[in-house]
Amino acid sequence: MVGWKPLVDKRLTLVADVTDKYFKLEVEHPAQLVEHPAQLVEHKVLNLEIYGIGRRVWKGKEDQEEAKEELMEYLKTLEEELGNKLYFGGETIGLVDVALVPFTPWFYTYETCGNFSIEAGCPKLVAWANRCKQNHQSVANALPHPHQIYDYLVQLKKGLGLA
């Protein structure tokens, strides 16, 4: 199993523990990760790779265009896994949805800082994120507003001398 454990957020640690308990997802090669959505989320999101790519987008340095392409590649892979289902597990919200939805409030920041549209490239994924929030009040209540994340990063960039 690809390493889960230095997770900062206790909720993600709980998801990782539940996944370890109920899904024994051993892989020999990283390409096998796309065979199961929980493995894909583990590899792409919970290992925080996608946040590193997102950081390169919002920092706006010379590799921003490359980072935007990488981010969209990750998101398109997730969208392909979602397909035409309402949720990653099918008709009801499940483990993969719960693990992935905390990433979605960052979309606005990435789009604004990178001057691109995630919805244009991944409309089904954006519709899924909206559905998770609209159909599940607990999800909506647990997530920060996208503008709060953006405002925080504007201040952070100023503090770091990046703005």
N, C-alpha and C. Protein backbone atom coordinates (compact mmCIF):
# COMPACT_ATOMS: atom_id res chain seq x y z
N MET A 1 0.84 -1.18 0.00
CA MET A 1 0.00 0.00 0.00
C MET A 1 0.88 1.24 0.00
N VAL A 2 0.52 2.19 -0.83
CA VAL A 2 1.25 3.45 -0.86
C VAL A 2 1.03 4.11 0.49
N GLY A 3 2.05 4.76 1.04
CA GLY A 3 1.96 5.31 2.39
C GLY A 3 0.88 6.36 2.56
N TRP A 4 0.05 6.22 3.58
CA TRP A 4 -1.03 7.16 3.89
C TRP A 4 -0.61 8.11 4.97
N LYS A 5 0.22 7.70 5.79
CA LYS A 5 0.30 8.28 7.12
C LYS A 5 1.13 9.51 7.23
N PRO A 6 1.67 10.37 6.62
CA PRO A 6 1.70 11.58 7.40
C PRO A 6 0.57 12.52 6.99
N LEU A 7 -0.59 12.24 7.41
CA LEU A 7 -1.73 13.10 7.11
C LEU A 7 -1.97 14.05 8.27
N VAL A 8 -2.13 15.29 7.96
CA VAL A 8 -2.29 16.30 8.99
C VAL A 8 -3.73 16.33 9.48
N ASP A 9 -4.65 16.30 8.58
CA ASP A 9 -6.06 16.46 8.91
C ASP A 9 -6.62 15.17 9.50
N LYS A 10 -7.19 15.25 10.68
CA LYS A 10 -7.70 14.06 11.36
C LYS A 10 -8.80 13.38 10.58
N ARG A 11 -9.62 14.17 9.87
CA ARG A 11 -10.68 13.56 9.08
C ARG A 11 -10.09 12.70 7.97
N LEU A 12 -9.04 13.16 7.33
CA LEU A 12 -8.41 12.37 6.28
C LEU A 12 -7.74 11.14 6.87
N THR A 13 -7.19 11.27 8.06
CA THR A 13 -6.59 10.12 8.72
C THR A 13 -7.66 9.08 9.00
N LEU A 14 -8.84 9.52 9.44
CA LEU A 14 -9.94 8.60 9.67
C LEU A 14 -10.33 7.89 8.38
N VAL A 15 -10.44 8.64 7.29
CA VAL A 15 -10.75 8.04 6.00
C VAL A 15 -9.68 7.02 5.63
N ALA A 16 -8.42 7.36 5.84
CA ALA A 16 -7.34 6.44 5.53
C ALA A 16 -7.44 5.17 6.37
N ASP A 17 -7.74 5.33 7.65
CA ASP A 17 -7.87 4.16 8.52
C ASP A 17 -9.04 3.28 8.09
N VAL A 18 -10.16 3.90 7.74
CA VAL A 18 -11.32 3.13 7.29
C VAL A 18 -10.99 2.41 6.00
N THR A 19 -10.31 3.11 5.09
CA THR A 19 -9.95 2.50 3.82
C THR A 19 -9.00 1.33 4.05
N ASP A 20 -8.00 1.52 4.91
CA ASP A 20 -7.09 0.42 5.21
C ASP A 20 -7.84 -0.80 5.75
N LYS A 21 -8.86 -0.54 6.57
CA LYS A 21 -9.60 -1.63 7.19
C LYS A 21 -10.49 -2.37 6.19
N TYR A 22 -11.16 -1.62 5.32
CA TYR A 22 -12.16 -2.24 4.46
C TYR A 22 -11.70 -2.49 3.03
N PHE A 23 -10.65 -1.82 2.61
CA PHE A 23 -10.16 -2.01 1.25
C PHE A 23 -8.68 -2.38 1.32
N LYS A 24 -8.36 -3.61 1.11
CA LYS A 24 -6.97 -4.02 1.07
C LYS A 24 -6.48 -3.81 -0.36
N LEU A 25 -5.88 -2.67 -0.61
CA LEU A 25 -5.58 -2.24 -1.96
C LEU A 25 -4.07 -2.30 -2.21
N GLU A 26 -3.57 -3.47 -2.48
CA GLU A 26 -2.16 -3.63 -2.76
C GLU A 26 -1.92 -3.47 -4.25
N VAL A 27 -0.86 -2.76 -4.62
CA VAL A 27 -0.52 -2.61 -6.03
C VAL A 27 0.96 -2.88 -6.22
N GLU A 28 1.28 -3.43 -7.37
CA GLU A 28 2.67 -3.67 -7.70
C GLU A 28 3.24 -2.54 -8.55
N HIS A 29 2.40 -1.85 -9.28
CA HIS A 29 2.85 -0.80 -10.17
C HIS A 29 1.87 0.37 -10.06
N PRO A 30 2.37 1.62 -10.04
CA PRO A 30 1.48 2.77 -9.89
C PRO A 30 0.37 2.85 -10.93
N ALA A 31 0.58 2.30 -12.12
CA ALA A 31 -0.46 2.33 -13.15
C ALA A 31 -1.71 1.58 -12.70
N GLN A 32 -1.56 0.63 -11.77
CA GLN A 32 -2.70 -0.12 -11.28
C GLN A 32 -3.62 0.74 -10.40
N LEU A 33 -3.15 1.91 -9.99
CA LEU A 33 -3.95 2.74 -9.10
C LEU A 33 -5.25 3.20 -9.73
N VAL A 34 -5.30 3.27 -11.04
CA VAL A 34 -6.53 3.73 -11.68
C VAL A 34 -7.58 2.64 -11.74
N GLU A 35 -7.24 1.42 -11.30
CA GLU A 35 -8.19 0.32 -11.35
C GLU A 35 -9.24 0.41 -10.26
N HIS A 36 -9.02 1.19 -9.25
CA HIS A 36 -9.97 1.31 -8.16
C HIS A 36 -9.99 2.77 -7.70
N PRO A 37 -11.15 3.39 -7.63
CA PRO A 37 -11.19 4.82 -7.30
C PRO A 37 -10.58 5.15 -5.95
N ALA A 38 -10.70 4.29 -4.97
CA ALA A 38 -10.10 4.58 -3.66
C ALA A 38 -8.59 4.64 -3.77
N GLN A 39 -8.02 3.78 -4.60
CA GLN A 39 -6.57 3.83 -4.80
C GLN A 39 -6.18 5.11 -5.51
N LEU A 40 -6.98 5.53 -6.46
CA LEU A 40 -6.70 6.75 -7.18
C LEU A 40 -6.71 7.94 -6.24
N VAL A 41 -7.70 8.02 -5.38
CA VAL A 41 -7.78 9.12 -4.43
C VAL A 41 -6.60 9.05 -3.47
N GLU A 42 -6.27 7.86 -3.01
CA GLU A 42 -5.12 7.72 -2.12
C GLU A 42 -3.87 8.25 -2.78
N HIS A 43 -3.65 7.85 -4.01
CA HIS A 43 -2.42 8.20 -4.71
C HIS A 43 -2.39 9.67 -5.09
N LYS A 44 -3.48 10.19 -5.60
CA LYS A 44 -3.48 11.53 -6.16
C LYS A 44 -3.82 12.62 -5.15
N VAL A 45 -4.66 12.34 -4.18
CA VAL A 45 -5.11 13.38 -3.27
C VAL A 45 -4.55 13.19 -1.87
N LEU A 46 -4.75 12.02 -1.29
CA LEU A 46 -4.36 11.84 0.10
C LEU A 46 -2.85 11.88 0.29
N ASN A 47 -2.10 11.53 -0.73
CA ASN A 47 -0.65 11.67 -0.63
C ASN A 47 -0.22 13.12 -0.82
N LEU A 48 -1.20 13.97 -1.03
CA LEU A 48 -1.01 15.41 -1.12
C LEU A 48 -0.24 15.85 -2.36
N GLU A 49 -0.05 14.97 -3.33
CA GLU A 49 0.60 15.36 -4.58
C GLU A 49 -0.16 16.48 -5.26
N ILE A 50 -1.46 16.35 -5.27
CA ILE A 50 -2.27 17.31 -6.00
C ILE A 50 -2.20 18.69 -5.34
N TYR A 51 -2.02 18.74 -4.03
CA TYR A 51 -1.88 20.03 -3.37
C TYR A 51 -0.55 20.69 -3.76
N GLY A 52 0.49 19.89 -3.95
CA GLY A 52 1.77 20.44 -4.40
C GLY A 52 1.67 21.03 -5.80
N ILE A 53 0.94 20.36 -6.65
CA ILE A 53 0.73 20.89 -7.99
C ILE A 53 -0.10 22.16 -7.91
N GLY A 54 -1.14 22.13 -7.09
CA GLY A 54 -1.97 23.32 -6.90
C GLY A 54 -1.17 24.50 -6.38
N ARG A 55 -0.23 24.22 -5.49
CA ARG A 55 0.63 25.28 -4.95
C ARG A 55 1.41 25.95 -6.08
N ARG A 56 1.89 25.14 -7.01
CA ARG A 56 2.62 25.70 -8.15
C ARG A 56 1.71 26.55 -9.02
N VAL A 57 0.43 26.22 -9.06
CA VAL A 57 -0.53 27.04 -9.82
C VAL A 57 -0.73 28.38 -9.13
N TRP A 58 -1.03 28.37 -7.82
CA TRP A 58 -1.34 29.64 -7.16
C TRP A 58 -0.12 30.51 -6.92
N LYS A 59 1.07 29.92 -6.86
CA LYS A 59 2.27 30.74 -6.69
C LYS A 59 2.55 31.58 -7.93
N GLY A 60 2.16 31.07 -9.10
CA GLY A 60 2.29 31.85 -10.32
C GLY A 60 3.71 32.01 -10.81
N LYS A 61 4.57 31.06 -10.56
CA LYS A 61 5.96 31.13 -11.01
C LYS A 61 6.08 30.68 -12.46
N GLU A 62 7.30 30.52 -12.90
CA GLU A 62 7.57 30.18 -14.30
C GLU A 62 7.01 28.83 -14.72
N ASP A 63 6.78 27.92 -13.79
CA ASP A 63 6.24 26.60 -14.16
C ASP A 63 4.73 26.51 -13.98
N GLN A 64 4.05 27.66 -13.91
CA GLN A 64 2.61 27.66 -13.68
C GLN A 64 1.85 26.96 -14.81
N GLU A 65 2.23 27.20 -16.05
CA GLU A 65 1.52 26.57 -17.17
C GLU A 65 1.65 25.05 -17.10
N GLU A 66 2.83 24.58 -16.79
CA GLU A 66 3.06 23.13 -16.63
C GLU A 66 2.23 22.59 -15.48
N ALA A 67 2.18 23.33 -14.39
CA ALA A 67 1.40 22.90 -13.22
C ALA A 67 -0.09 22.85 -13.55
N LYS A 68 -0.58 23.83 -14.31
CA LYS A 68 -2.00 23.82 -14.69
C LYS A 68 -2.32 22.58 -15.53
N GLU A 69 -1.41 22.24 -16.43
CA GLU A 69 -1.62 21.04 -17.26
C GLU A 69 -1.62 19.78 -16.40
N GLU A 70 -0.69 19.70 -15.44
CA GLU A 70 -0.64 18.54 -14.54
C GLU A 70 -1.91 18.44 -13.70
N LEU A 71 -2.35 19.58 -13.17
CA LEU A 71 -3.56 19.60 -12.36
C LEU A 71 -4.76 19.12 -13.18
N MET A 72 -4.89 19.64 -14.37
CA MET A 72 -6.02 19.24 -15.22
C MET A 72 -5.92 17.76 -15.59
N GLU A 73 -4.72 17.25 -15.76
CA GLU A 73 -4.55 15.82 -16.05
C GLU A 73 -5.06 14.98 -14.87
N TYR A 74 -4.70 15.36 -13.66
CA TYR A 74 -5.20 14.66 -12.48
C TYR A 74 -6.72 14.72 -12.41
N LEU A 75 -7.25 15.92 -12.60
CA LEU A 75 -8.70 16.09 -12.48
C LEU A 75 -9.45 15.34 -13.58
N LYS A 76 -8.89 15.31 -14.77
CA LYS A 76 -9.53 14.55 -15.86
C LYS A 76 -9.52 13.06 -15.57
N THR A 77 -8.46 12.58 -14.94
CA THR A 77 -8.40 11.17 -14.55
C THR A 77 -9.51 10.86 -13.54
N LEU A 78 -9.68 11.76 -12.58
CA LEU A 78 -10.75 11.59 -11.61
C LEU A 78 -12.12 11.65 -12.28
N GLU A 79 -12.27 12.57 -13.22
CA GLU A 79 -13.55 12.70 -13.92
C GLU A 79 -13.85 11.44 -14.74
N GLU A 80 -12.83 10.87 -15.35
CA GLU A 80 -13.03 9.62 -16.10
C GLU A 80 -13.51 8.51 -15.16
N GLU A 81 -12.94 8.46 -13.97
CA GLU A 81 -13.36 7.45 -12.99
C GLU A 81 -14.80 7.69 -12.55
N LEU A 82 -15.18 8.95 -12.39
CA LEU A 82 -16.55 9.29 -12.03
C LEU A 82 -17.52 8.88 -13.13
N GLY A 83 -17.12 9.11 -14.37
CA GLY A 83 -17.98 8.75 -15.50
C GLY A 83 -19.33 9.46 -15.42
N ASN A 84 -20.39 8.71 -15.64
CA ASN A 84 -21.74 9.26 -15.61
C ASN A 84 -22.46 8.97 -14.29
N LYS A 85 -21.71 8.51 -13.30
CA LYS A 85 -22.31 8.20 -12.00
C LYS A 85 -22.56 9.50 -11.23
N LEU A 86 -23.52 9.46 -10.32
CA LEU A 86 -23.77 10.60 -9.45
C LEU A 86 -22.61 10.82 -8.50
N TYR A 87 -22.09 9.73 -7.96
CA TYR A 87 -20.98 9.77 -7.01
C TYR A 87 -19.98 8.70 -7.43
N PHE A 88 -18.79 8.75 -6.86
CA PHE A 88 -17.77 7.79 -7.27
C PHE A 88 -18.18 6.35 -7.01
N GLY A 89 -18.97 6.13 -5.97
CA GLY A 89 -19.43 4.78 -5.66
C GLY A 89 -20.71 4.39 -6.35
N GLY A 90 -21.34 5.32 -7.06
CA GLY A 90 -22.59 5.01 -7.74
C GLY A 90 -23.67 6.02 -7.42
N GLU A 91 -24.77 5.54 -6.83
CA GLU A 91 -25.94 6.39 -6.58
C GLU A 91 -25.90 7.13 -5.25
N THR A 92 -25.01 6.73 -4.34
CA THR A 92 -24.95 7.37 -3.03
C THR A 92 -23.52 7.82 -2.74
N ILE A 93 -23.42 8.84 -1.91
CA ILE A 93 -22.11 9.35 -1.54
C ILE A 93 -21.36 8.27 -0.75
N GLY A 94 -20.07 8.17 -0.99
CA GLY A 94 -19.30 7.12 -0.35
C GLY A 94 -17.92 7.59 0.07
N LEU A 95 -17.07 6.66 0.36
CA LEU A 95 -15.74 6.91 0.89
C LEU A 95 -14.90 7.79 -0.02
N VAL A 96 -14.88 7.49 -1.29
CA VAL A 96 -14.05 8.26 -2.21
C VAL A 96 -14.56 9.70 -2.28
N ASP A 97 -15.86 9.86 -2.31
CA ASP A 97 -16.44 11.21 -2.34
C ASP A 97 -16.02 11.99 -1.10
N VAL A 98 -16.13 11.36 0.06
CA VAL A 98 -15.79 12.02 1.32
C VAL A 98 -14.31 12.39 1.36
N ALA A 99 -13.47 11.54 0.80
CA ALA A 99 -12.03 11.81 0.79
C ALA A 99 -11.66 12.91 -0.20
N LEU A 100 -12.37 13.00 -1.30
CA LEU A 100 -12.01 13.93 -2.37
C LEU A 100 -12.67 15.30 -2.25
N VAL A 101 -13.87 15.38 -1.73
CA VAL A 101 -14.61 16.65 -1.73
C VAL A 101 -13.91 17.77 -0.97
N PRO A 102 -13.10 17.52 0.07
CA PRO A 102 -12.42 18.65 0.73
C PRO A 102 -11.44 19.38 -0.18
N PHE A 103 -11.03 18.77 -1.26
CA PHE A 103 -10.13 19.41 -2.20
C PHE A 103 -10.85 20.44 -3.08
N THR A 104 -12.14 20.28 -3.28
CA THR A 104 -12.87 21.08 -4.26
C THR A 104 -12.99 22.57 -3.94
N PRO A 105 -13.01 23.01 -2.69
CA PRO A 105 -13.05 24.47 -2.47
C PRO A 105 -11.80 25.20 -2.99
N TRP A 106 -10.75 24.47 -3.26
CA TRP A 106 -9.53 25.06 -3.81
C TRP A 106 -9.66 25.40 -5.29
N PHE A 107 -10.66 24.85 -5.96
CA PHE A 107 -10.80 25.07 -7.39
C PHE A 107 -10.82 26.56 -7.73
N TYR A 108 -11.59 27.34 -6.99
CA TYR A 108 -11.71 28.78 -7.26
C TYR A 108 -10.33 29.45 -7.20
N THR A 109 -9.55 29.13 -6.20
CA THR A 109 -8.22 29.73 -6.05
C THR A 109 -7.33 29.36 -7.21
N TYR A 110 -7.33 28.08 -7.58
CA TYR A 110 -6.49 27.66 -8.71
C TYR A 110 -6.92 28.35 -9.99
N GLU A 111 -8.22 28.44 -10.21
CA GLU A 111 -8.73 29.08 -11.42
C GLU A 111 -8.38 30.57 -11.45
N THR A 112 -8.55 31.24 -10.33
CA THR A 112 -8.30 32.67 -10.27
C THR A 112 -6.81 32.98 -10.41
N CYS A 113 -5.99 32.26 -9.68
CA CYS A 113 -4.54 32.50 -9.75
C CYS A 113 -3.94 32.05 -11.07
N GLY A 114 -4.50 31.00 -11.64
CA GLY A 114 -3.95 30.46 -12.88
C GLY A 114 -4.64 30.93 -14.14
N ASN A 115 -5.72 31.70 -13.97
CA ASN A 115 -6.47 32.22 -15.12
C ASN A 115 -6.88 31.12 -16.09
N PHE A 116 -7.62 30.13 -15.55
CA PHE A 116 -8.15 29.06 -16.37
C PHE A 116 -9.43 28.55 -15.71
N SER A 117 -10.12 27.64 -16.39
CA SER A 117 -11.39 27.13 -15.89
C SER A 117 -11.32 25.62 -15.72
N ILE A 118 -11.50 25.18 -14.49
CA ILE A 118 -11.57 23.74 -14.23
C ILE A 118 -12.88 23.20 -14.80
N GLU A 119 -13.94 23.97 -14.67
CA GLU A 119 -15.24 23.51 -15.17
C GLU A 119 -15.21 23.29 -16.68
N ALA A 120 -14.49 24.12 -17.41
CA ALA A 120 -14.42 23.95 -18.86
C ALA A 120 -13.76 22.63 -19.23
N GLY A 121 -12.77 22.21 -18.46
CA GLY A 121 -12.06 20.97 -18.75
C GLY A 121 -12.65 19.75 -18.09
N CYS A 122 -13.34 19.94 -16.96
CA CYS A 122 -13.88 18.83 -16.18
C CYS A 122 -15.29 19.15 -15.68
N PRO A 123 -16.24 19.32 -16.59
CA PRO A 123 -17.58 19.72 -16.16
C PRO A 123 -18.27 18.70 -15.26
N LYS A 124 -18.04 17.42 -15.50
CA LYS A 124 -18.69 16.40 -14.67
C LYS A 124 -18.14 16.41 -13.25
N LEU A 125 -16.85 16.66 -13.11
CA LEU A 125 -16.24 16.70 -11.79
C LEU A 125 -16.76 17.91 -11.00
N VAL A 126 -16.88 19.05 -11.65
CA VAL A 126 -17.41 20.24 -10.99
C VAL A 126 -18.88 20.02 -10.61
N ALA A 127 -19.64 19.39 -11.51
CA ALA A 127 -21.05 19.09 -11.20
C ALA A 127 -21.13 18.13 -10.01
N TRP A 128 -20.23 17.16 -9.94
CA TRP A 128 -20.19 16.23 -8.81
C TRP A 128 -19.92 17.00 -7.51
N ALA A 129 -18.94 17.91 -7.54
CA ALA A 129 -18.60 18.68 -6.33
C ALA A 129 -19.81 19.49 -5.88
N ASN A 130 -20.48 20.11 -6.82
CA ASN A 130 -21.68 20.89 -6.47
C ASN A 130 -22.78 19.99 -5.93
N ARG A 131 -22.95 18.82 -6.51
CA ARG A 131 -23.96 17.86 -6.05
C ARG A 131 -23.66 17.41 -4.62
N CYS A 132 -22.40 17.15 -4.32
CA CYS A 132 -22.03 16.74 -2.96
C CYS A 132 -22.43 17.81 -1.95
N LYS A 133 -22.20 19.06 -2.30
CA LYS A 133 -22.53 20.16 -1.38
C LYS A 133 -24.03 20.41 -1.31
N GLN A 134 -24.71 20.34 -2.44
CA GLN A 134 -26.14 20.65 -2.47
C GLN A 134 -26.99 19.55 -1.85
N ASN A 135 -26.59 18.31 -2.05
CA ASN A 135 -27.40 17.18 -1.58
C ASN A 135 -27.04 16.69 -0.19
N HIS A 136 -25.98 17.20 0.37
CA HIS A 136 -25.50 16.72 1.67
C HIS A 136 -25.09 17.93 2.51
N GLN A 137 -25.99 18.37 3.35
CA GLN A 137 -25.76 19.56 4.16
C GLN A 137 -24.52 19.43 5.03
N SER A 138 -24.25 18.23 5.52
CA SER A 138 -23.06 18.04 6.36
C SER A 138 -21.78 18.31 5.57
N VAL A 139 -21.78 17.96 4.30
CA VAL A 139 -20.63 18.26 3.45
C VAL A 139 -20.50 19.76 3.28
N ALA A 140 -21.60 20.41 2.94
CA ALA A 140 -21.58 21.86 2.73
C ALA A 140 -21.11 22.59 3.99
N ASN A 141 -21.57 22.14 5.15
CA ASN A 141 -21.20 22.79 6.41
C ASN A 141 -19.73 22.57 6.77
N ALA A 142 -19.15 21.47 6.32
CA ALA A 142 -17.78 21.13 6.69
C ALA A 142 -16.74 21.83 5.82
N LEU A 143 -17.15 22.31 4.66
CA LEU A 143 -16.19 22.89 3.73
C LEU A 143 -16.11 24.41 3.86
N PRO A 144 -14.90 24.94 3.76
CA PRO A 144 -14.79 26.41 3.75
C PRO A 144 -15.32 26.96 2.43
N HIS A 145 -15.75 28.20 2.45
CA HIS A 145 -16.18 28.85 1.21
C HIS A 145 -14.93 29.06 0.34
N PRO A 146 -15.03 28.83 -0.95
CA PRO A 146 -13.86 29.00 -1.83
C PRO A 146 -13.21 30.38 -1.73
N HIS A 147 -14.00 31.42 -1.50
CA HIS A 147 -13.42 32.76 -1.39
C HIS A 147 -12.59 32.92 -0.12
N GLN A 148 -12.92 32.18 0.94
CA GLN A 148 -12.11 32.22 2.16
C GLN A 148 -10.71 31.67 1.88
N ILE A 149 -10.64 30.59 1.12
CA ILE A 149 -9.34 30.02 0.77
C ILE A 149 -8.55 31.01 -0.07
N TYR A 150 -9.21 31.59 -1.06
CA TYR A 150 -8.54 32.55 -1.93
C TYR A 150 -8.04 33.75 -1.12
N ASP A 151 -8.89 34.31 -0.26
CA ASP A 151 -8.48 35.46 0.55
C ASP A 151 -7.29 35.13 1.44
N TYR A 152 -7.31 33.93 2.02
CA TYR A 152 -6.19 33.49 2.84
C TYR A 152 -4.91 33.43 2.01
N LEU A 153 -5.00 32.87 0.81
CA LEU A 153 -3.80 32.73 -0.01
C LEU A 153 -3.29 34.08 -0.50
N VAL A 154 -4.18 35.03 -0.74
CA VAL A 154 -3.74 36.37 -1.11
C VAL A 154 -2.87 36.94 0.01
N GLN A 155 -3.34 36.79 1.25
CA GLN A 155 -2.57 37.27 2.40
C GLN A 155 -1.25 36.49 2.56
N LEU A 156 -1.33 35.19 2.37
CA LEU A 156 -0.13 34.36 2.46
C LEU A 156 0.91 34.77 1.42
N LYS A 157 0.45 34.97 0.19
CA LYS A 157 1.36 35.38 -0.88
C LYS A 157 2.01 36.73 -0.57
N LYS A 158 1.24 37.63 0.01
CA LYS A 158 1.82 38.94 0.41
C LYS A 158 2.89 38.73 1.46
N GLY A 159 2.57 37.89 2.45
CA GLY A 159 3.53 37.61 3.52
C GLY A 159 4.80 36.94 3.04
N LEU A 160 4.66 36.13 2.00
CA LEU A 160 5.81 35.43 1.43
C LEU A 160 6.53 36.24 0.36
N GLY A 161 6.00 37.42 0.07
CA GLY A 161 6.59 38.25 -0.97
C GLY A 161 6.32 37.75 -2.37
N LEU A 162 5.23 37.02 -2.55
CA LEU A 162 4.89 36.47 -3.87
C LEU A 162 3.85 37.31 -4.59
N ALA A 163 3.31 38.31 -3.92
CA ALA A 163 2.26 39.13 -4.56
C ALA A 163 2.75 40.51 -4.88
